[in-house]
Amino acid sequence: MLLNLRLILPLTVVLLGSAAALPASPTPDKEFLTPQEIAKIQDAQEIDERIKVYLEAATLRLKTAEERLGGKEAEAGDPLEFFSVEEMVDGYYRIVKSVMINLDDVFQRRDSDKSRLGKALKNLKDSTEWAGKALLALKKTAEDKRNEELWNLVNQAIDITSGAHEGAAFGLKKYPGPAEKSKGKGKDKG
């Protein structure tokens, strides 16, 4: 079980544990990352670098889904050209889930570089702040278009994003990233 993740990312484990109750992926057998993204992830050996690559892929999916829902057509050669909006939102969810699994692996290893962990948590926190807003816009669009499948997938993505954000904020208290360390130094204690 994800024992250490429960300490650092408490709400996220609940969300992962309840994933069976959420809507099924639109295409569970389709790879949610492009071959180029997979290669970048494999090359990123340090946790902060790996999480950055994952979160860039997640952001790309949300931005592209928003553009497609706004009527912009995919261009030839676009790495997400053959992904539907629903597949991109599901891919976003699966990427965030992968991020949490990667972070859990680092928490379980005692020999890991905790400063890199802080950078990864900071990146996750910042990314999920932006993603939360983007997902709310996608939810409204899904409602306006009366697209129930997309609406369900967006709600699933909102849940995991919220849990990941809260978990990252909590984890940064124990393993502060670069910005959190400097914030705490000059604070008034009055």
N, C-alpha and C. Protein backbone atom coordinates (compact mmCIF):
# COMPACT_ATOMS: atom_id res chain seq x y z
N MET A 1 0.84 -1.19 0.00
CA MET A 1 0.00 0.00 0.00
C MET A 1 0.88 1.24 0.00
N LEU A 2 0.34 2.39 -0.29
CA LEU A 2 1.09 3.63 -0.43
C LEU A 2 1.22 4.32 0.93
N LEU A 3 1.89 3.69 1.86
CA LEU A 3 1.98 4.18 3.23
C LEU A 3 2.58 5.57 3.32
N ASN A 4 3.73 5.80 2.73
CA ASN A 4 4.37 7.11 2.82
C ASN A 4 3.57 8.17 2.09
N LEU A 5 2.95 7.81 0.99
CA LEU A 5 2.13 8.76 0.26
C LEU A 5 0.98 9.25 1.12
N ARG A 6 0.45 8.40 1.97
CA ARG A 6 -0.63 8.82 2.86
C ARG A 6 -0.17 9.92 3.80
N LEU A 7 1.08 9.89 4.19
CA LEU A 7 1.60 10.92 5.08
C LEU A 7 1.81 12.23 4.34
N ILE A 8 2.24 12.17 3.11
CA ILE A 8 2.58 13.36 2.37
C ILE A 8 1.44 13.83 1.46
N LEU A 9 0.77 12.93 0.84
CA LEU A 9 -0.31 13.28 -0.09
C LEU A 9 -1.61 12.61 0.37
N PRO A 10 -2.16 13.00 1.52
CA PRO A 10 -3.26 12.27 2.13
C PRO A 10 -4.53 12.18 1.29
N LEU A 11 -5.00 13.24 0.75
CA LEU A 11 -6.25 13.20 0.01
C LEU A 11 -6.10 12.43 -1.30
N THR A 12 -4.92 12.47 -1.87
CA THR A 12 -4.70 11.83 -3.14
C THR A 12 -4.88 10.32 -3.06
N VAL A 13 -4.46 9.73 -1.98
CA VAL A 13 -4.61 8.28 -1.83
C VAL A 13 -6.08 7.90 -1.83
N VAL A 14 -6.87 8.71 -1.17
CA VAL A 14 -8.30 8.45 -1.14
C VAL A 14 -8.84 8.49 -2.56
N LEU A 15 -8.39 9.47 -3.33
CA LEU A 15 -8.85 9.59 -4.71
C LEU A 15 -8.38 8.40 -5.54
N LEU A 16 -7.13 7.99 -5.37
CA LEU A 16 -6.65 6.84 -6.11
C LEU A 16 -7.39 5.57 -5.72
N GLY A 17 -7.67 5.44 -4.46
CA GLY A 17 -8.37 4.26 -3.98
C GLY A 17 -9.79 4.17 -4.49
N SER A 18 -10.39 5.33 -4.78
CA SER A 18 -11.77 5.33 -5.25
C SER A 18 -11.86 5.40 -6.77
N ALA A 19 -10.74 5.25 -7.46
CA ALA A 19 -10.73 5.36 -8.91
C ALA A 19 -11.66 4.35 -9.58
N ALA A 20 -11.87 3.20 -8.96
CA ALA A 20 -12.75 2.20 -9.55
C ALA A 20 -14.19 2.70 -9.63
N ALA A 21 -14.56 3.62 -8.76
CA ALA A 21 -15.91 4.13 -8.76
C ALA A 21 -16.09 5.25 -9.78
N LEU A 22 -14.99 5.74 -10.34
CA LEU A 22 -15.06 6.83 -11.30
C LEU A 22 -15.31 6.27 -12.69
N PRO A 23 -15.68 7.14 -13.62
CA PRO A 23 -15.93 6.68 -14.99
C PRO A 23 -14.69 6.01 -15.58
N ALA A 24 -14.91 5.02 -16.42
CA ALA A 24 -13.80 4.31 -17.05
C ALA A 24 -13.15 5.21 -18.08
N SER A 25 -11.89 4.95 -18.36
CA SER A 25 -11.16 5.69 -19.39
C SER A 25 -11.86 5.48 -20.72
N PRO A 26 -11.87 6.51 -21.58
CA PRO A 26 -12.52 6.33 -22.87
C PRO A 26 -11.82 5.28 -23.72
N THR A 27 -10.51 5.19 -23.62
CA THR A 27 -9.74 4.19 -24.37
C THR A 27 -8.63 3.67 -23.48
N PRO A 28 -8.93 2.71 -22.60
CA PRO A 28 -7.95 2.27 -21.62
C PRO A 28 -6.69 1.66 -22.22
N ASP A 29 -6.74 1.14 -23.45
CA ASP A 29 -5.58 0.50 -24.04
C ASP A 29 -4.68 1.47 -24.79
N LYS A 30 -5.15 2.68 -25.05
CA LYS A 30 -4.37 3.66 -25.79
C LYS A 30 -3.34 4.30 -24.87
N GLU A 31 -2.12 4.42 -25.34
CA GLU A 31 -1.06 5.06 -24.57
C GLU A 31 -1.43 6.53 -24.39
N PHE A 32 -1.27 7.04 -23.19
CA PHE A 32 -1.66 8.41 -22.91
C PHE A 32 -0.51 9.39 -23.08
N LEU A 33 0.70 8.89 -23.31
CA LEU A 33 1.86 9.73 -23.57
C LEU A 33 2.34 9.49 -25.00
N THR A 34 2.90 10.52 -25.60
CA THR A 34 3.45 10.35 -26.94
C THR A 34 4.81 9.66 -26.83
N PRO A 35 5.30 9.07 -27.90
CA PRO A 35 6.63 8.45 -27.85
C PRO A 35 7.73 9.43 -27.44
N GLN A 36 7.61 10.70 -27.88
CA GLN A 36 8.60 11.71 -27.50
C GLN A 36 8.55 11.98 -26.00
N GLU A 37 7.35 12.05 -25.43
CA GLU A 37 7.22 12.27 -23.99
C GLU A 37 7.77 11.10 -23.19
N ILE A 38 7.51 9.90 -23.67
CA ILE A 38 8.03 8.71 -23.00
C ILE A 38 9.56 8.75 -23.00
N ALA A 39 10.17 9.12 -24.13
CA ALA A 39 11.63 9.20 -24.21
C ALA A 39 12.17 10.25 -23.24
N LYS A 40 11.52 11.40 -23.15
CA LYS A 40 11.96 12.45 -22.23
C LYS A 40 11.87 11.98 -20.78
N ILE A 41 10.79 11.27 -20.45
CA ILE A 41 10.62 10.77 -19.08
C ILE A 41 11.69 9.74 -18.75
N GLN A 42 11.98 8.88 -19.71
CA GLN A 42 13.03 7.87 -19.48
C GLN A 42 14.40 8.52 -19.31
N ASP A 43 14.64 9.64 -19.98
CA ASP A 43 15.92 10.35 -19.86
C ASP A 43 16.02 11.13 -18.56
N ALA A 44 14.88 11.52 -17.99
CA ALA A 44 14.86 12.33 -16.77
C ALA A 44 15.00 11.42 -15.55
N GLN A 45 16.23 11.25 -15.09
CA GLN A 45 16.49 10.33 -13.99
C GLN A 45 16.19 10.90 -12.61
N GLU A 46 16.34 12.21 -12.45
CA GLU A 46 16.09 12.85 -11.16
C GLU A 46 14.61 13.18 -11.03
N ILE A 47 14.08 13.09 -9.82
CA ILE A 47 12.65 13.25 -9.59
C ILE A 47 12.13 14.61 -10.04
N ASP A 48 12.87 15.67 -9.79
CA ASP A 48 12.39 17.00 -10.17
C ASP A 48 12.31 17.14 -11.69
N GLU A 49 13.28 16.58 -12.39
CA GLU A 49 13.27 16.63 -13.86
C GLU A 49 12.13 15.77 -14.42
N ARG A 50 11.95 14.61 -13.85
CA ARG A 50 10.90 13.70 -14.31
C ARG A 50 9.51 14.31 -14.10
N ILE A 51 9.29 14.87 -12.93
CA ILE A 51 7.99 15.47 -12.63
C ILE A 51 7.73 16.65 -13.57
N LYS A 52 8.79 17.42 -13.85
CA LYS A 52 8.64 18.56 -14.77
C LYS A 52 8.17 18.08 -16.15
N VAL A 53 8.76 17.01 -16.66
CA VAL A 53 8.37 16.48 -17.97
C VAL A 53 6.92 15.99 -17.94
N TYR A 54 6.57 15.26 -16.90
CA TYR A 54 5.19 14.79 -16.76
C TYR A 54 4.21 15.97 -16.75
N LEU A 55 4.52 16.98 -15.96
CA LEU A 55 3.59 18.10 -15.82
C LEU A 55 3.52 18.95 -17.08
N GLU A 56 4.58 19.03 -17.84
CA GLU A 56 4.52 19.71 -19.14
C GLU A 56 3.56 18.96 -20.06
N ALA A 57 3.61 17.64 -20.04
CA ALA A 57 2.71 16.83 -20.85
C ALA A 57 1.26 17.02 -20.40
N ALA A 58 1.06 17.09 -19.10
CA ALA A 58 -0.30 17.28 -18.56
C ALA A 58 -0.85 18.65 -18.99
N THR A 59 -0.03 19.68 -18.88
CA THR A 59 -0.44 21.03 -19.26
C THR A 59 -0.78 21.09 -20.74
N LEU A 60 0.04 20.46 -21.57
CA LEU A 60 -0.22 20.42 -23.01
C LEU A 60 -1.60 19.83 -23.30
N ARG A 61 -1.98 18.78 -22.59
CA ARG A 61 -3.27 18.16 -22.83
C ARG A 61 -4.43 19.08 -22.48
N LEU A 62 -4.32 19.77 -21.36
CA LEU A 62 -5.41 20.66 -20.97
C LEU A 62 -5.52 21.85 -21.93
N LYS A 63 -4.38 22.43 -22.30
CA LYS A 63 -4.39 23.56 -23.24
C LYS A 63 -4.97 23.13 -24.59
N THR A 64 -4.54 21.98 -25.07
CA THR A 64 -5.01 21.48 -26.36
C THR A 64 -6.50 21.14 -26.31
N ALA A 65 -6.95 20.54 -25.22
CA ALA A 65 -8.38 20.22 -25.08
C ALA A 65 -9.20 21.50 -25.12
N GLU A 66 -8.73 22.52 -24.43
CA GLU A 66 -9.43 23.81 -24.41
C GLU A 66 -9.51 24.41 -25.82
N GLU A 67 -8.38 24.35 -26.54
CA GLU A 67 -8.35 24.86 -27.91
C GLU A 67 -9.31 24.10 -28.81
N ARG A 68 -9.31 22.79 -28.70
CA ARG A 68 -10.19 21.96 -29.55
C ARG A 68 -11.66 22.25 -29.26
N LEU A 69 -11.97 22.40 -27.98
CA LEU A 69 -13.36 22.71 -27.63
C LEU A 69 -13.75 24.10 -28.13
N GLY A 70 -12.76 24.97 -28.29
CA GLY A 70 -13.00 26.30 -28.83
C GLY A 70 -13.07 26.34 -30.35
N GLY A 71 -12.89 25.18 -30.99
CA GLY A 71 -13.04 25.09 -32.44
C GLY A 71 -11.74 25.01 -33.22
N LYS A 72 -10.60 25.10 -32.56
CA LYS A 72 -9.33 25.03 -33.27
C LYS A 72 -9.04 23.58 -33.66
N GLU A 73 -8.76 23.39 -34.94
CA GLU A 73 -8.46 22.06 -35.46
C GLU A 73 -7.00 21.70 -35.20
N ALA A 74 -6.74 20.43 -35.05
CA ALA A 74 -5.36 19.95 -34.89
C ALA A 74 -4.62 20.10 -36.22
N GLU A 75 -3.37 20.49 -36.13
CA GLU A 75 -2.55 20.62 -37.32
C GLU A 75 -1.83 19.31 -37.58
N ALA A 76 -1.53 19.05 -38.84
CA ALA A 76 -0.79 17.84 -39.20
C ALA A 76 0.55 17.85 -38.48
N GLY A 77 0.90 16.72 -37.90
CA GLY A 77 2.15 16.60 -37.18
C GLY A 77 2.05 16.96 -35.70
N ASP A 78 0.93 17.51 -35.28
CA ASP A 78 0.70 17.82 -33.87
C ASP A 78 0.78 16.50 -33.10
N PRO A 79 1.58 16.44 -32.01
CA PRO A 79 1.71 15.17 -31.29
C PRO A 79 0.38 14.66 -30.71
N LEU A 80 -0.59 15.54 -30.52
CA LEU A 80 -1.89 15.13 -29.98
C LEU A 80 -2.97 15.14 -31.06
N GLU A 81 -2.56 15.12 -32.32
CA GLU A 81 -3.48 15.21 -33.45
C GLU A 81 -4.60 14.17 -33.41
N PHE A 82 -4.29 12.97 -33.01
CA PHE A 82 -5.27 11.89 -33.06
C PHE A 82 -5.91 11.59 -31.71
N PHE A 83 -5.78 12.50 -30.76
CA PHE A 83 -6.41 12.35 -29.45
C PHE A 83 -7.69 13.18 -29.43
N SER A 84 -8.75 12.59 -28.91
CA SER A 84 -9.99 13.35 -28.72
C SER A 84 -9.85 14.20 -27.46
N VAL A 85 -10.75 15.13 -27.28
CA VAL A 85 -10.74 15.97 -26.08
C VAL A 85 -10.86 15.08 -24.84
N GLU A 86 -11.74 14.09 -24.91
CA GLU A 86 -11.93 13.19 -23.78
C GLU A 86 -10.65 12.41 -23.47
N GLU A 87 -9.97 11.96 -24.52
CA GLU A 87 -8.71 11.22 -24.31
C GLU A 87 -7.63 12.12 -23.70
N MET A 88 -7.64 13.40 -24.06
CA MET A 88 -6.65 14.31 -23.48
C MET A 88 -6.93 14.57 -22.00
N VAL A 89 -8.20 14.73 -21.65
CA VAL A 89 -8.53 14.93 -20.23
C VAL A 89 -8.22 13.67 -19.44
N ASP A 90 -8.54 12.52 -20.00
CA ASP A 90 -8.19 11.26 -19.34
C ASP A 90 -6.68 11.12 -19.25
N GLY A 91 -5.96 11.51 -20.29
CA GLY A 91 -4.50 11.47 -20.26
C GLY A 91 -3.95 12.37 -19.18
N TYR A 92 -4.54 13.55 -19.01
CA TYR A 92 -4.13 14.46 -17.94
C TYR A 92 -4.27 13.75 -16.59
N TYR A 93 -5.42 13.13 -16.36
CA TYR A 93 -5.68 12.41 -15.11
C TYR A 93 -4.62 11.33 -14.88
N ARG A 94 -4.35 10.56 -15.91
CA ARG A 94 -3.40 9.46 -15.79
C ARG A 94 -1.97 9.97 -15.56
N ILE A 95 -1.64 11.12 -16.14
CA ILE A 95 -0.32 11.71 -15.91
C ILE A 95 -0.18 12.14 -14.46
N VAL A 96 -1.20 12.82 -13.92
CA VAL A 96 -1.12 13.25 -12.52
C VAL A 96 -1.02 12.03 -11.60
N LYS A 97 -1.73 10.98 -11.94
CA LYS A 97 -1.64 9.73 -11.17
C LYS A 97 -0.20 9.18 -11.23
N SER A 98 0.42 9.23 -12.40
CA SER A 98 1.81 8.79 -12.55
C SER A 98 2.76 9.65 -11.73
N VAL A 99 2.49 10.95 -11.69
CA VAL A 99 3.31 11.86 -10.88
C VAL A 99 3.27 11.42 -9.42
N MET A 100 2.08 11.12 -8.94
CA MET A 100 1.93 10.71 -7.54
C MET A 100 2.65 9.40 -7.26
N ILE A 101 2.61 8.48 -8.19
CA ILE A 101 3.31 7.20 -8.02
C ILE A 101 4.82 7.44 -7.98
N ASN A 102 5.31 8.30 -8.87
CA ASN A 102 6.75 8.62 -8.88
C ASN A 102 7.17 9.28 -7.57
N LEU A 103 6.36 10.21 -7.07
CA LEU A 103 6.69 10.86 -5.81
C LEU A 103 6.67 9.86 -4.66
N ASP A 104 5.72 8.94 -4.68
CA ASP A 104 5.66 7.92 -3.63
C ASP A 104 6.92 7.06 -3.64
N ASP A 105 7.41 6.72 -4.82
CA ASP A 105 8.65 5.94 -4.91
C ASP A 105 9.81 6.67 -4.24
N VAL A 106 9.89 7.98 -4.45
CA VAL A 106 10.97 8.76 -3.84
C VAL A 106 10.81 8.81 -2.32
N PHE A 107 9.58 8.99 -1.85
CA PHE A 107 9.34 9.03 -0.41
C PHE A 107 9.78 7.73 0.25
N GLN A 108 9.59 6.62 -0.44
CA GLN A 108 9.92 5.33 0.14
C GLN A 108 11.42 5.05 0.15
N ARG A 109 12.17 5.69 -0.73
CA ARG A 109 13.62 5.49 -0.77
C ARG A 109 14.29 6.45 0.21
N ARG A 110 15.03 5.92 1.12
CA ARG A 110 15.70 6.75 2.12
C ARG A 110 16.91 7.49 1.54
N ASP A 111 17.46 7.00 0.45
CA ASP A 111 18.67 7.59 -0.11
C ASP A 111 18.38 8.66 -1.16
N SER A 112 17.13 9.06 -1.32
CA SER A 112 16.80 10.02 -2.36
C SER A 112 17.18 11.45 -1.96
N ASP A 113 17.37 12.28 -2.96
CA ASP A 113 17.76 13.68 -2.76
C ASP A 113 16.51 14.48 -2.41
N LYS A 114 16.40 14.88 -1.16
CA LYS A 114 15.20 15.58 -0.69
C LYS A 114 15.07 16.99 -1.25
N SER A 115 16.20 17.63 -1.65
CA SER A 115 16.08 18.96 -2.25
C SER A 115 15.40 18.86 -3.61
N ARG A 116 15.70 17.79 -4.33
CA ARG A 116 15.04 17.57 -5.63
C ARG A 116 13.56 17.24 -5.40
N LEU A 117 13.27 16.56 -4.34
CA LEU A 117 11.88 16.25 -4.00
C LEU A 117 11.11 17.55 -3.75
N GLY A 118 11.72 18.48 -3.03
CA GLY A 118 11.10 19.78 -2.79
C GLY A 118 10.81 20.53 -4.08
N LYS A 119 11.76 20.47 -5.04
CA LYS A 119 11.55 21.12 -6.34
C LYS A 119 10.37 20.46 -7.07
N ALA A 120 10.31 19.14 -7.02
CA ALA A 120 9.22 18.42 -7.68
C ALA A 120 7.87 18.77 -7.06
N LEU A 121 7.83 18.84 -5.74
CA LEU A 121 6.58 19.19 -5.05
C LEU A 121 6.16 20.62 -5.39
N LYS A 122 7.12 21.53 -5.47
CA LYS A 122 6.82 22.92 -5.82
C LYS A 122 6.24 22.99 -7.23
N ASN A 123 6.85 22.25 -8.15
CA ASN A 123 6.36 22.22 -9.52
C ASN A 123 4.94 21.65 -9.57
N LEU A 124 4.68 20.59 -8.81
CA LEU A 124 3.35 20.00 -8.76
C LEU A 124 2.34 20.99 -8.19
N LYS A 125 2.72 21.66 -7.14
CA LYS A 125 1.80 22.64 -6.52
C LYS A 125 1.45 23.75 -7.51
N ASP A 126 2.47 24.32 -8.15
CA ASP A 126 2.23 25.40 -9.12
C ASP A 126 1.40 24.92 -10.31
N SER A 127 1.73 23.75 -10.82
CA SER A 127 1.02 23.21 -11.97
C SER A 127 -0.45 22.93 -11.65
N THR A 128 -0.71 22.39 -10.47
CA THR A 128 -2.09 22.06 -10.13
C THR A 128 -2.91 23.32 -9.82
N GLU A 129 -2.25 24.40 -9.41
CA GLU A 129 -2.99 25.67 -9.24
C GLU A 129 -3.54 26.12 -10.59
N TRP A 130 -2.68 26.11 -11.61
CA TRP A 130 -3.11 26.50 -12.95
C TRP A 130 -4.15 25.51 -13.49
N ALA A 131 -3.88 24.22 -13.33
CA ALA A 131 -4.75 23.19 -13.88
C ALA A 131 -6.15 23.24 -13.27
N GLY A 132 -6.23 23.55 -11.98
CA GLY A 132 -7.54 23.65 -11.34
C GLY A 132 -8.43 24.66 -12.03
N LYS A 133 -7.85 25.80 -12.39
CA LYS A 133 -8.62 26.84 -13.09
C LYS A 133 -8.98 26.39 -14.50
N ALA A 134 -8.03 25.79 -15.20
CA ALA A 134 -8.28 25.31 -16.56
C ALA A 134 -9.37 24.24 -16.57
N LEU A 135 -9.35 23.36 -15.57
CA LEU A 135 -10.35 22.29 -15.51
C LEU A 135 -11.75 22.85 -15.24
N LEU A 136 -11.84 23.88 -14.43
CA LEU A 136 -13.16 24.50 -14.19
C LEU A 136 -13.72 25.09 -15.48
N ALA A 137 -12.86 25.69 -16.30
CA ALA A 137 -13.30 26.21 -17.60
C ALA A 137 -13.74 25.07 -18.51
N LEU A 138 -13.00 23.97 -18.51
CA LEU A 138 -13.38 22.80 -19.31
C LEU A 138 -14.71 22.21 -18.83
N LYS A 139 -14.91 22.22 -17.53
CA LYS A 139 -16.17 21.70 -16.97
C LYS A 139 -17.35 22.53 -17.46
N LYS A 140 -17.18 23.84 -17.44
CA LYS A 140 -18.26 24.72 -17.91
C LYS A 140 -18.55 24.47 -19.38
N THR A 141 -17.51 24.32 -20.17
CA THR A 141 -17.69 24.04 -21.59
C THR A 141 -18.40 22.70 -21.79
N ALA A 142 -18.02 21.69 -21.03
CA ALA A 142 -18.68 20.38 -21.12
C ALA A 142 -20.16 20.50 -20.77
N GLU A 143 -20.46 21.31 -19.76
CA GLU A 143 -21.86 21.53 -19.38
C GLU A 143 -22.61 22.24 -20.51
N ASP A 144 -22.00 23.29 -21.06
CA ASP A 144 -22.63 24.05 -22.14
C ASP A 144 -22.89 23.18 -23.37
N LYS A 145 -21.97 22.27 -23.66
CA LYS A 145 -22.10 21.38 -24.82
C LYS A 145 -22.88 20.11 -24.49
N ARG A 146 -23.26 19.97 -23.23
CA ARG A 146 -24.01 18.80 -22.75
C ARG A 146 -23.28 17.49 -23.08
N ASN A 147 -21.97 17.51 -22.82
CA ASN A 147 -21.11 16.36 -23.07
C ASN A 147 -20.87 15.66 -21.73
N GLU A 148 -21.70 14.66 -21.43
CA GLU A 148 -21.64 13.99 -20.14
C GLU A 148 -20.32 13.25 -19.92
N GLU A 149 -19.83 12.57 -20.96
CA GLU A 149 -18.57 11.83 -20.82
C GLU A 149 -17.42 12.78 -20.45
N LEU A 150 -17.34 13.89 -21.17
CA LEU A 150 -16.29 14.87 -20.87
C LEU A 150 -16.49 15.46 -19.48
N TRP A 151 -17.71 15.77 -19.12
CA TRP A 151 -18.01 16.34 -17.81
C TRP A 151 -17.53 15.40 -16.70
N ASN A 152 -17.83 14.11 -16.85
CA ASN A 152 -17.39 13.12 -15.86
C ASN A 152 -15.87 13.03 -15.78
N LEU A 153 -15.20 13.04 -16.93
CA LEU A 153 -13.74 12.97 -16.95
C LEU A 153 -13.11 14.23 -16.33
N VAL A 154 -13.71 15.38 -16.61
CA VAL A 154 -13.20 16.63 -16.03
C VAL A 154 -13.37 16.61 -14.52
N ASN A 155 -14.50 16.14 -14.03
CA ASN A 155 -14.70 16.05 -12.58
C ASN A 155 -13.69 15.11 -11.93
N GLN A 156 -13.40 14.00 -12.59
CA GLN A 156 -12.38 13.07 -12.11
C GLN A 156 -11.02 13.79 -12.07
N ALA A 157 -10.71 14.55 -13.10
CA ALA A 157 -9.45 15.28 -13.15
C ALA A 157 -9.40 16.38 -12.09
N ILE A 158 -10.53 17.03 -11.84
CA ILE A 158 -10.58 18.06 -10.79
C ILE A 158 -10.29 17.44 -9.44
N ASP A 159 -10.87 16.29 -9.17
CA ASP A 159 -10.65 15.61 -7.89
C ASP A 159 -9.18 15.27 -7.67
N ILE A 160 -8.55 14.68 -8.67
CA ILE A 160 -7.15 14.28 -8.48
C ILE A 160 -6.25 15.51 -8.43
N THR A 161 -6.60 16.55 -9.17
CA THR A 161 -5.82 17.79 -9.15
C THR A 161 -5.89 18.45 -7.78
N SER A 162 -7.08 18.48 -7.22
CA SER A 162 -7.26 19.06 -5.89
C SER A 162 -6.46 18.28 -4.84
N GLY A 163 -6.54 16.97 -4.91
CA GLY A 163 -5.80 16.13 -3.96
C GLY A 163 -4.30 16.28 -4.13
N ALA A 164 -3.84 16.33 -5.39
CA ALA A 164 -2.40 16.48 -5.65
C ALA A 164 -1.92 17.85 -5.17
N HIS A 165 -2.73 18.87 -5.36
CA HIS A 165 -2.36 20.22 -4.91
C HIS A 165 -2.24 20.27 -3.39
N GLU A 166 -3.24 19.74 -2.71
CA GLU A 166 -3.20 19.71 -1.24
C GLU A 166 -2.03 18.88 -0.73
N GLY A 167 -1.80 17.75 -1.37
CA GLY A 167 -0.69 16.90 -0.97
C GLY A 167 0.66 17.56 -1.20
N ALA A 168 0.80 18.26 -2.34
CA ALA A 168 2.05 18.96 -2.62
C ALA A 168 2.29 20.06 -1.60
N ALA A 169 1.24 20.81 -1.27
CA ALA A 169 1.36 21.88 -0.27
C ALA A 169 1.78 21.29 1.08
N PHE A 170 1.18 20.18 1.46
CA PHE A 170 1.53 19.51 2.71
C PHE A 170 2.96 19.00 2.67
N GLY A 171 3.34 18.37 1.56
CA GLY A 171 4.70 17.84 1.41
C GLY A 171 5.76 18.91 1.44
N LEU A 172 5.43 20.10 0.93
CA LEU A 172 6.39 21.20 0.92
C LEU A 172 6.72 21.69 2.33
N LYS A 173 5.83 21.42 3.27
CA LYS A 173 6.13 21.79 4.66
C LYS A 173 7.28 20.94 5.20
N LYS A 174 7.34 19.69 4.75
CA LYS A 174 8.39 18.79 5.21
C LYS A 174 9.64 18.86 4.33
N TYR A 175 9.43 19.02 3.02
CA TYR A 175 10.52 19.08 2.05
C TYR A 175 10.34 20.34 1.20
N PRO A 176 10.68 21.49 1.77
CA PRO A 176 10.43 22.74 1.04
C PRO A 176 11.24 22.85 -0.25
N GLY A 177 10.58 23.38 -1.26
CA GLY A 177 11.25 23.66 -2.51
C GLY A 177 12.03 24.95 -2.36
N PRO A 178 12.74 25.38 -3.38
CA PRO A 178 13.58 26.57 -3.31
C PRO A 178 12.82 27.82 -2.86
N ALA A 179 11.64 28.08 -3.39
CA ALA A 179 10.88 29.29 -3.03
C ALA A 179 10.36 29.21 -1.60
N GLU A 180 9.95 28.03 -1.16
CA GLU A 180 9.42 27.88 0.20
C GLU A 180 10.50 28.11 1.25
N LYS A 181 11.72 27.70 0.96
CA LYS A 181 12.82 27.91 1.92
C LYS A 181 13.05 29.40 2.14
N SER A 182 13.05 30.17 1.04
CA SER A 182 13.31 31.60 1.19
C SER A 182 12.13 32.33 1.80
N LYS A 183 10.89 31.86 1.58
CA LYS A 183 9.71 32.48 2.20
C LYS A 183 9.77 32.37 3.72
N GLY A 184 10.23 31.25 4.22
CA GLY A 184 10.23 31.01 5.65
C GLY A 184 11.32 31.76 6.39
N LYS A 185 12.37 32.20 5.71
CA LYS A 185 13.51 32.82 6.40
C LYS A 185 13.21 34.20 6.94
N GLY A 186 12.52 35.03 6.17
CA GLY A 186 12.32 36.40 6.61
C GLY A 186 10.98 36.66 7.25
N LYS A 187 10.24 35.64 7.59
CA LYS A 187 8.89 35.80 8.15
C LYS A 187 8.91 36.35 9.56
N ASP A 188 7.93 37.17 9.83
CA ASP A 188 7.71 37.66 11.19
C ASP A 188 7.14 36.54 12.04
N LYS A 189 7.57 36.42 13.23
CA LYS A 189 7.01 35.36 14.09
C LYS A 189 6.06 35.97 15.10
N GLY A 190 5.68 37.22 14.90
CA GLY A 190 4.81 37.90 15.83
C GLY A 190 3.44 37.64 15.58
